[in-house]
Amino acid sequence: MGQEIYLTRAGYEKLRLDLEQLKTTERRRIAKAIGEARLLGDISENAEYDAAKDAQAHCEARISELEGKLANVRIIEDQKIASDKVLIGALVSLKDVKSSEQMKYLMVSPEEASFEENKISIFSPIGKGLLGHKVGESVEIKVPAGILHYKILKIERPL
């Protein structure tokens, strides 16, 4: 059994739909491209055939990867996770000590991380720096651009 992967229900559903699309639509499209490339003649010097076979290999690798992940998923909403610390699934309200800017981040697995949606991976520098801390604590987080100084204002379990 592989390493457990914690996802929200929405994240699980997205991976499941991606897998379904690859196994149906994408596989058919690639098989058709391989068939059409074969019709072009000698496959030993056929760039279209080589490209289609490469696409097939990438598709099958992604299918295998997704199947492995989905087999080891634990849904965050189903877990009993402490709410007094920053852990996966927590919605953390922060204040930048230097600028007084406030922000919220949802702590998620790398598979669900999305900067645009303020979902940060627990393995990112900020995610790692926040993990295990409690409301009221100040944290210093080293990132490539320097050191961030945050105060944890609130921890919620929205999931």
N, C-alpha and C. Protein backbone atom coordinates (compact mmCIF):
# COMPACT_ATOMS: atom_id res chain seq x y z
N MET A 1 0.84 -1.19 0.00
CA MET A 1 0.00 0.00 0.00
C MET A 1 0.88 1.25 0.00
N GLY A 2 0.52 2.23 -0.80
CA GLY A 2 1.29 3.45 -0.92
C GLY A 2 1.00 4.41 0.22
N GLN A 3 1.62 5.56 0.15
CA GLN A 3 1.45 6.58 1.17
C GLN A 3 0.06 7.20 1.06
N GLU A 4 -0.58 7.43 2.21
CA GLU A 4 -1.91 8.02 2.21
C GLU A 4 -1.86 9.44 1.66
N ILE A 5 -2.90 9.78 0.91
CA ILE A 5 -3.04 11.12 0.35
C ILE A 5 -4.35 11.69 0.87
N TYR A 6 -4.27 12.85 1.50
CA TYR A 6 -5.46 13.49 2.04
C TYR A 6 -5.99 14.50 1.05
N LEU A 7 -7.25 14.32 0.66
CA LEU A 7 -7.91 15.22 -0.28
C LEU A 7 -9.28 15.62 0.24
N THR A 8 -9.74 16.77 -0.21
CA THR A 8 -11.13 17.13 0.05
C THR A 8 -11.99 16.28 -0.88
N ARG A 9 -13.29 16.24 -0.62
CA ARG A 9 -14.19 15.51 -1.52
C ARG A 9 -14.09 16.08 -2.94
N ALA A 10 -14.02 17.41 -3.04
CA ALA A 10 -13.93 18.05 -4.35
C ALA A 10 -12.62 17.68 -5.05
N GLY A 11 -11.53 17.62 -4.31
CA GLY A 11 -10.25 17.23 -4.89
C GLY A 11 -10.25 15.79 -5.36
N TYR A 12 -10.88 14.92 -4.58
CA TYR A 12 -11.00 13.51 -4.97
C TYR A 12 -11.82 13.39 -6.26
N GLU A 13 -12.92 14.11 -6.30
CA GLU A 13 -13.79 14.04 -7.48
C GLU A 13 -13.07 14.56 -8.72
N LYS A 14 -12.27 15.62 -8.56
CA LYS A 14 -11.52 16.15 -9.71
C LYS A 14 -10.54 15.12 -10.24
N LEU A 15 -9.79 14.46 -9.35
CA LEU A 15 -8.85 13.43 -9.79
C LEU A 15 -9.59 12.26 -10.45
N ARG A 16 -10.73 11.88 -9.88
CA ARG A 16 -11.50 10.78 -10.44
C ARG A 16 -12.00 11.11 -11.85
N LEU A 17 -12.46 12.34 -12.03
CA LEU A 17 -12.93 12.77 -13.36
C LEU A 17 -11.77 12.86 -14.35
N ASP A 18 -10.62 13.34 -13.89
CA ASP A 18 -9.43 13.38 -14.75
C ASP A 18 -9.07 11.97 -15.22
N LEU A 19 -9.11 11.01 -14.30
CA LEU A 19 -8.80 9.62 -14.64
C LEU A 19 -9.81 9.08 -15.66
N GLU A 20 -11.06 9.33 -15.41
CA GLU A 20 -12.10 8.85 -16.32
C GLU A 20 -11.91 9.44 -17.72
N GLN A 21 -11.59 10.72 -17.80
CA GLN A 21 -11.37 11.38 -19.09
C GLN A 21 -10.18 10.76 -19.82
N LEU A 22 -9.11 10.50 -19.09
CA LEU A 22 -7.92 9.89 -19.70
C LEU A 22 -8.22 8.48 -20.20
N LYS A 23 -8.96 7.71 -19.43
CA LYS A 23 -9.22 6.32 -19.78
C LYS A 23 -10.22 6.18 -20.92
N THR A 24 -11.03 7.18 -21.13
CA THR A 24 -12.03 7.09 -22.19
C THR A 24 -11.64 7.98 -23.37
N THR A 25 -11.90 9.25 -23.25
CA THR A 25 -11.71 10.20 -24.33
C THR A 25 -10.27 10.24 -24.85
N GLU A 26 -9.32 10.39 -23.93
CA GLU A 26 -7.93 10.56 -24.35
C GLU A 26 -7.36 9.28 -24.97
N ARG A 27 -7.65 8.15 -24.37
CA ARG A 27 -7.17 6.89 -24.94
C ARG A 27 -7.70 6.70 -26.37
N ARG A 28 -8.98 6.99 -26.57
CA ARG A 28 -9.57 6.85 -27.91
C ARG A 28 -8.93 7.80 -28.90
N ARG A 29 -8.71 9.04 -28.49
CA ARG A 29 -8.09 10.03 -29.37
C ARG A 29 -6.70 9.57 -29.78
N ILE A 30 -5.93 9.07 -28.82
CA ILE A 30 -4.56 8.63 -29.11
C ILE A 30 -4.58 7.39 -30.00
N ALA A 31 -5.47 6.45 -29.74
CA ALA A 31 -5.56 5.24 -30.57
C ALA A 31 -5.89 5.61 -32.01
N LYS A 32 -6.77 6.59 -32.17
CA LYS A 32 -7.12 7.04 -33.52
C LYS A 32 -5.90 7.68 -34.20
N ALA A 33 -5.14 8.48 -33.45
CA ALA A 33 -3.95 9.13 -34.01
C ALA A 33 -2.91 8.08 -34.41
N ILE A 34 -2.76 7.03 -33.61
CA ILE A 34 -1.82 5.96 -33.95
C ILE A 34 -2.27 5.26 -35.23
N GLY A 35 -3.56 4.97 -35.31
CA GLY A 35 -4.10 4.32 -36.51
C GLY A 35 -3.89 5.15 -37.76
N GLU A 36 -4.14 6.45 -37.67
CA GLU A 36 -3.97 7.34 -38.81
C GLU A 36 -2.49 7.43 -39.20
N ALA A 37 -1.60 7.45 -38.20
CA ALA A 37 -0.16 7.53 -38.48
C ALA A 37 0.33 6.27 -39.17
N ARG A 38 -0.23 5.12 -38.80
CA ARG A 38 0.17 3.86 -39.45
C ARG A 38 -0.17 3.88 -40.94
N LEU A 39 -1.25 4.54 -41.27
CA LEU A 39 -1.68 4.61 -42.67
C LEU A 39 -0.74 5.44 -43.54
N LEU A 40 0.11 6.22 -42.89
CA LEU A 40 1.03 7.09 -43.62
C LEU A 40 2.24 6.34 -44.17
N GLY A 41 2.38 5.09 -43.81
CA GLY A 41 3.48 4.30 -44.37
C GLY A 41 4.40 3.76 -43.31
N ASP A 42 5.66 3.57 -43.67
CA ASP A 42 6.69 2.96 -42.84
C ASP A 42 6.75 3.63 -41.46
N ILE A 43 6.45 2.85 -40.41
CA ILE A 43 6.42 3.45 -39.07
C ILE A 43 7.81 3.65 -38.48
N SER A 44 8.84 3.07 -39.09
CA SER A 44 10.19 3.24 -38.55
C SER A 44 10.70 4.67 -38.74
N GLU A 45 10.16 5.40 -39.70
CA GLU A 45 10.58 6.79 -39.93
C GLU A 45 9.36 7.71 -39.99
N ASN A 46 8.42 7.47 -39.10
CA ASN A 46 7.15 8.18 -39.13
C ASN A 46 7.03 9.05 -37.87
N ALA A 47 7.22 10.35 -38.04
CA ALA A 47 7.19 11.27 -36.89
C ALA A 47 5.82 11.30 -36.23
N GLU A 48 4.75 11.24 -37.03
CA GLU A 48 3.40 11.26 -36.47
C GLU A 48 3.16 10.03 -35.59
N TYR A 49 3.64 8.90 -36.06
CA TYR A 49 3.50 7.66 -35.29
C TYR A 49 4.28 7.76 -33.98
N ASP A 50 5.52 8.23 -34.06
CA ASP A 50 6.34 8.38 -32.86
C ASP A 50 5.69 9.33 -31.85
N ALA A 51 5.15 10.44 -32.33
CA ALA A 51 4.49 11.42 -31.45
C ALA A 51 3.26 10.80 -30.79
N ALA A 52 2.48 10.05 -31.57
CA ALA A 52 1.29 9.42 -31.02
C ALA A 52 1.66 8.36 -29.98
N LYS A 53 2.71 7.60 -30.24
CA LYS A 53 3.15 6.59 -29.27
C LYS A 53 3.68 7.26 -27.99
N ASP A 54 4.37 8.40 -28.13
CA ASP A 54 4.83 9.14 -26.95
C ASP A 54 3.63 9.64 -26.14
N ALA A 55 2.63 10.16 -26.84
CA ALA A 55 1.42 10.63 -26.16
C ALA A 55 0.73 9.48 -25.43
N GLN A 56 0.73 8.31 -26.06
CA GLN A 56 0.14 7.13 -25.43
C GLN A 56 0.90 6.76 -24.15
N ALA A 57 2.22 6.79 -24.21
CA ALA A 57 3.03 6.46 -23.04
C ALA A 57 2.77 7.45 -21.90
N HIS A 58 2.68 8.75 -22.22
CA HIS A 58 2.41 9.77 -21.20
C HIS A 58 1.02 9.57 -20.60
N CYS A 59 0.06 9.28 -21.45
CA CYS A 59 -1.31 9.06 -20.99
C CYS A 59 -1.37 7.87 -20.05
N GLU A 60 -0.75 6.76 -20.43
CA GLU A 60 -0.79 5.56 -19.59
C GLU A 60 -0.05 5.78 -18.27
N ALA A 61 1.03 6.55 -18.30
CA ALA A 61 1.76 6.86 -17.07
C ALA A 61 0.89 7.70 -16.13
N ARG A 62 0.18 8.67 -16.69
CA ARG A 62 -0.70 9.52 -15.88
C ARG A 62 -1.86 8.70 -15.32
N ILE A 63 -2.41 7.80 -16.11
CA ILE A 63 -3.48 6.92 -15.64
C ILE A 63 -2.98 6.10 -14.45
N SER A 64 -1.82 5.53 -14.58
CA SER A 64 -1.24 4.72 -13.51
C SER A 64 -1.02 5.56 -12.25
N GLU A 65 -0.51 6.77 -12.44
CA GLU A 65 -0.27 7.67 -11.32
C GLU A 65 -1.57 8.00 -10.60
N LEU A 66 -2.60 8.36 -11.36
CA LEU A 66 -3.88 8.72 -10.75
C LEU A 66 -4.52 7.52 -10.06
N GLU A 67 -4.45 6.34 -10.67
CA GLU A 67 -5.01 5.16 -10.03
C GLU A 67 -4.31 4.88 -8.70
N GLY A 68 -3.01 5.05 -8.66
CA GLY A 68 -2.26 4.86 -7.42
C GLY A 68 -2.66 5.86 -6.35
N LYS A 69 -2.81 7.10 -6.74
CA LYS A 69 -3.22 8.13 -5.78
C LYS A 69 -4.63 7.86 -5.26
N LEU A 70 -5.55 7.59 -6.17
CA LEU A 70 -6.94 7.38 -5.77
C LEU A 70 -7.09 6.15 -4.87
N ALA A 71 -6.24 5.17 -5.05
CA ALA A 71 -6.30 3.97 -4.21
C ALA A 71 -5.88 4.26 -2.76
N ASN A 72 -5.16 5.35 -2.57
CA ASN A 72 -4.64 5.68 -1.23
C ASN A 72 -5.23 6.95 -0.64
N VAL A 73 -6.35 7.42 -1.19
CA VAL A 73 -6.95 8.66 -0.73
C VAL A 73 -7.67 8.48 0.60
N ARG A 74 -7.51 9.46 1.44
CA ARG A 74 -8.30 9.60 2.66
C ARG A 74 -8.98 10.96 2.53
N ILE A 75 -10.30 10.96 2.66
CA ILE A 75 -11.07 12.20 2.52
C ILE A 75 -10.94 13.00 3.82
N ILE A 76 -10.49 14.23 3.70
CA ILE A 76 -10.26 15.09 4.86
C ILE A 76 -11.52 15.22 5.71
N GLU A 77 -12.65 15.41 5.05
CA GLU A 77 -13.90 15.62 5.78
C GLU A 77 -14.26 14.42 6.65
N ASP A 78 -13.76 13.24 6.33
CA ASP A 78 -14.08 12.02 7.09
C ASP A 78 -13.12 11.78 8.26
N GLN A 79 -12.08 12.57 8.36
CA GLN A 79 -11.06 12.36 9.38
C GLN A 79 -11.36 13.20 10.62
N LYS A 80 -10.98 12.69 11.76
CA LYS A 80 -11.08 13.45 13.00
C LYS A 80 -9.73 14.15 13.20
N ILE A 81 -9.68 15.39 12.77
CA ILE A 81 -8.44 16.15 12.82
C ILE A 81 -8.61 17.27 13.84
N ALA A 82 -7.63 17.41 14.70
CA ALA A 82 -7.68 18.44 15.75
C ALA A 82 -7.91 19.81 15.13
N SER A 83 -8.68 20.65 15.82
CA SER A 83 -8.98 21.97 15.26
C SER A 83 -8.25 23.09 16.00
N ASP A 84 -7.42 22.73 16.97
CA ASP A 84 -6.71 23.79 17.70
C ASP A 84 -5.33 24.08 17.13
N LYS A 85 -4.92 23.30 16.11
CA LYS A 85 -3.62 23.50 15.47
C LYS A 85 -3.80 23.60 13.97
N VAL A 86 -2.80 24.17 13.32
CA VAL A 86 -2.79 24.22 11.86
C VAL A 86 -2.39 22.83 11.36
N LEU A 87 -3.34 22.14 10.73
CA LEU A 87 -3.12 20.83 10.12
C LEU A 87 -3.82 20.82 8.78
N ILE A 88 -3.65 19.74 8.03
CA ILE A 88 -4.30 19.64 6.73
C ILE A 88 -5.81 19.81 6.91
N GLY A 89 -6.43 20.55 6.01
CA GLY A 89 -7.86 20.80 6.07
C GLY A 89 -8.23 22.06 6.83
N ALA A 90 -7.26 22.69 7.46
CA ALA A 90 -7.54 23.91 8.24
C ALA A 90 -7.58 25.13 7.33
N LEU A 91 -8.52 26.01 7.63
CA LEU A 91 -8.57 27.33 7.00
C LEU A 91 -7.93 28.27 8.01
N VAL A 92 -6.77 28.81 7.65
CA VAL A 92 -5.97 29.60 8.58
C VAL A 92 -6.05 31.07 8.21
N SER A 93 -6.46 31.89 9.17
CA SER A 93 -6.46 33.34 8.99
C SER A 93 -5.17 33.89 9.59
N LEU A 94 -4.45 34.66 8.78
CA LEU A 94 -3.14 35.18 9.18
C LEU A 94 -3.09 36.69 9.04
N LYS A 95 -2.17 37.26 9.78
CA LYS A 95 -1.86 38.68 9.60
C LYS A 95 -0.37 38.79 9.38
N ASP A 96 -0.01 39.47 8.29
CA ASP A 96 1.40 39.75 8.03
C ASP A 96 1.82 40.81 9.04
N VAL A 97 2.76 40.48 9.90
CA VAL A 97 3.18 41.37 10.99
C VAL A 97 3.74 42.69 10.46
N LYS A 98 4.45 42.63 9.34
CA LYS A 98 5.08 43.84 8.80
C LYS A 98 4.08 44.77 8.12
N SER A 99 3.18 44.23 7.30
CA SER A 99 2.28 45.08 6.51
C SER A 99 0.87 45.16 7.10
N SER A 100 0.56 44.35 8.08
CA SER A 100 -0.78 44.23 8.68
C SER A 100 -1.82 43.68 7.71
N GLU A 101 -1.38 43.21 6.54
CA GLU A 101 -2.29 42.60 5.58
C GLU A 101 -2.79 41.27 6.15
N GLN A 102 -4.09 41.03 5.96
CA GLN A 102 -4.66 39.77 6.43
C GLN A 102 -4.96 38.88 5.24
N MET A 103 -4.82 37.56 5.45
CA MET A 103 -5.07 36.59 4.39
C MET A 103 -5.58 35.30 5.01
N LYS A 104 -6.18 34.47 4.17
CA LYS A 104 -6.64 33.16 4.59
C LYS A 104 -6.09 32.12 3.63
N TYR A 105 -5.63 31.01 4.19
CA TYR A 105 -5.14 29.90 3.39
C TYR A 105 -5.82 28.62 3.85
N LEU A 106 -6.22 27.80 2.89
CA LEU A 106 -6.70 26.46 3.18
C LEU A 106 -5.53 25.52 3.01
N MET A 107 -5.23 24.75 4.03
CA MET A 107 -4.10 23.83 4.01
C MET A 107 -4.54 22.53 3.33
N VAL A 108 -3.88 22.19 2.23
CA VAL A 108 -4.27 21.02 1.43
C VAL A 108 -3.04 20.21 1.02
N SER A 109 -3.32 19.07 0.41
CA SER A 109 -2.24 18.24 -0.13
C SER A 109 -1.71 18.89 -1.41
N PRO A 110 -0.53 18.50 -1.87
CA PRO A 110 0.02 19.09 -3.09
C PRO A 110 -0.89 18.91 -4.31
N GLU A 111 -1.67 17.82 -4.34
CA GLU A 111 -2.55 17.55 -5.48
C GLU A 111 -3.66 18.60 -5.62
N GLU A 112 -3.99 19.28 -4.54
CA GLU A 112 -5.08 20.27 -4.57
C GLU A 112 -4.59 21.71 -4.48
N ALA A 113 -3.31 21.91 -4.29
CA ALA A 113 -2.80 23.27 -4.11
C ALA A 113 -3.15 24.15 -5.30
N SER A 114 -3.60 25.37 -5.00
CA SER A 114 -3.96 26.33 -6.04
C SER A 114 -3.78 27.73 -5.47
N PHE A 115 -2.78 28.43 -5.98
CA PHE A 115 -2.51 29.79 -5.50
C PHE A 115 -3.72 30.70 -5.71
N GLU A 116 -4.38 30.55 -6.86
CA GLU A 116 -5.53 31.40 -7.19
C GLU A 116 -6.69 31.21 -6.20
N GLU A 117 -6.80 30.01 -5.64
CA GLU A 117 -7.88 29.71 -4.70
C GLU A 117 -7.43 29.78 -3.25
N ASN A 118 -6.23 30.29 -3.01
CA ASN A 118 -5.65 30.37 -1.66
C ASN A 118 -5.59 29.01 -0.97
N LYS A 119 -5.33 27.97 -1.75
CA LYS A 119 -5.13 26.63 -1.21
C LYS A 119 -3.64 26.35 -1.30
N ILE A 120 -3.00 26.19 -0.13
CA ILE A 120 -1.56 25.96 -0.15
C ILE A 120 -1.23 24.56 0.35
N SER A 121 -0.22 24.00 -0.26
CA SER A 121 0.24 22.67 0.09
C SER A 121 0.88 22.67 1.47
N ILE A 122 0.62 21.61 2.21
CA ILE A 122 1.26 21.48 3.52
C ILE A 122 2.76 21.25 3.37
N PHE A 123 3.22 20.99 2.14
CA PHE A 123 4.64 20.78 1.90
C PHE A 123 5.33 22.01 1.31
N SER A 124 4.57 23.08 1.06
CA SER A 124 5.17 24.32 0.58
C SER A 124 5.90 24.99 1.75
N PRO A 125 6.78 25.94 1.48
CA PRO A 125 7.46 26.61 2.59
C PRO A 125 6.49 27.24 3.60
N ILE A 126 5.46 27.91 3.11
CA ILE A 126 4.49 28.53 4.02
C ILE A 126 3.70 27.45 4.76
N GLY A 127 3.26 26.43 4.03
CA GLY A 127 2.51 25.34 4.65
C GLY A 127 3.31 24.67 5.75
N LYS A 128 4.55 24.33 5.46
CA LYS A 128 5.42 23.69 6.46
C LYS A 128 5.62 24.60 7.67
N GLY A 129 5.77 25.89 7.40
CA GLY A 129 6.01 26.84 8.48
C GLY A 129 4.82 27.03 9.40
N LEU A 130 3.62 26.81 8.88
CA LEU A 130 2.41 26.99 9.69
C LEU A 130 1.99 25.73 10.44
N LEU A 131 2.33 24.57 9.90
CA LEU A 131 1.88 23.31 10.49
C LEU A 131 2.21 23.20 11.98
N GLY A 132 1.20 22.79 12.74
CA GLY A 132 1.40 22.54 14.17
C GLY A 132 1.25 23.75 15.06
N HIS A 133 1.17 24.94 14.48
CA HIS A 133 1.06 26.15 15.30
C HIS A 133 -0.40 26.42 15.67
N LYS A 134 -0.59 27.25 16.71
CA LYS A 134 -1.92 27.51 17.25
C LYS A 134 -2.28 28.99 17.11
N VAL A 135 -3.56 29.29 17.35
CA VAL A 135 -4.06 30.67 17.31
C VAL A 135 -3.26 31.52 18.29
N GLY A 136 -2.89 32.71 17.85
CA GLY A 136 -2.16 33.66 18.68
C GLY A 136 -0.65 33.56 18.52
N GLU A 137 -0.18 32.45 17.96
CA GLU A 137 1.26 32.29 17.79
C GLU A 137 1.76 33.11 16.61
N SER A 138 2.99 33.57 16.75
CA SER A 138 3.67 34.25 15.65
C SER A 138 4.67 33.27 15.06
N VAL A 139 4.75 33.28 13.74
CA VAL A 139 5.66 32.35 13.07
C VAL A 139 6.54 33.12 12.08
N GLU A 140 7.77 32.65 11.97
CA GLU A 140 8.69 33.17 10.96
C GLU A 140 8.90 32.05 9.96
N ILE A 141 8.68 32.36 8.69
CA ILE A 141 8.78 31.34 7.65
C ILE A 141 9.79 31.80 6.61
N LYS A 142 10.80 30.95 6.41
CA LYS A 142 11.82 31.26 5.41
C LYS A 142 11.31 30.81 4.04
N VAL A 143 11.26 31.75 3.11
CA VAL A 143 10.86 31.48 1.73
C VAL A 143 11.98 31.99 0.82
N PRO A 144 11.98 31.60 -0.45
CA PRO A 144 13.05 32.07 -1.34
C PRO A 144 13.23 33.59 -1.36
N ALA A 145 12.14 34.34 -1.16
CA ALA A 145 12.23 35.80 -1.23
C ALA A 145 12.66 36.43 0.09
N GLY A 146 12.84 35.64 1.13
CA GLY A 146 13.23 36.18 2.43
C GLY A 146 12.52 35.48 3.56
N ILE A 147 12.20 36.25 4.61
CA ILE A 147 11.52 35.67 5.77
C ILE A 147 10.18 36.37 5.95
N LEU A 148 9.12 35.57 6.07
CA LEU A 148 7.78 36.10 6.30
C LEU A 148 7.48 36.02 7.80
N HIS A 149 6.77 37.02 8.29
CA HIS A 149 6.39 37.06 9.70
C HIS A 149 4.87 37.13 9.78
N TYR A 150 4.26 36.07 10.29
CA TYR A 150 2.81 36.00 10.39
C TYR A 150 2.37 35.79 11.82
N LYS A 151 1.18 36.27 12.12
CA LYS A 151 0.51 35.95 13.38
C LYS A 151 -0.75 35.18 13.00
N ILE A 152 -0.98 34.05 13.65
CA ILE A 152 -2.15 33.23 13.37
C ILE A 152 -3.34 33.81 14.13
N LEU A 153 -4.35 34.26 13.39
CA LEU A 153 -5.52 34.89 13.98
C LEU A 153 -6.64 33.91 14.29
N LYS A 154 -6.82 32.94 13.40
CA LYS A 154 -7.97 32.02 13.53
C LYS A 154 -7.69 30.74 12.77
N ILE A 155 -8.18 29.63 13.30
CA ILE A 155 -8.11 28.33 12.62
C ILE A 155 -9.52 27.77 12.57
N GLU A 156 -9.97 27.47 11.35
CA GLU A 156 -11.31 26.93 11.18
C GLU A 156 -11.22 25.58 10.48
N ARG A 157 -12.25 24.78 10.63
CA ARG A 157 -12.40 23.50 9.92
C ARG A 157 -13.60 23.61 9.00
N PRO A 158 -13.41 24.21 7.82
CA PRO A 158 -14.55 24.43 6.92
C PRO A 158 -15.04 23.16 6.24
N LEU A 159 -14.25 22.11 6.28
CA LEU A 159 -14.56 20.90 5.52
C LEU A 159 -15.34 19.91 6.35
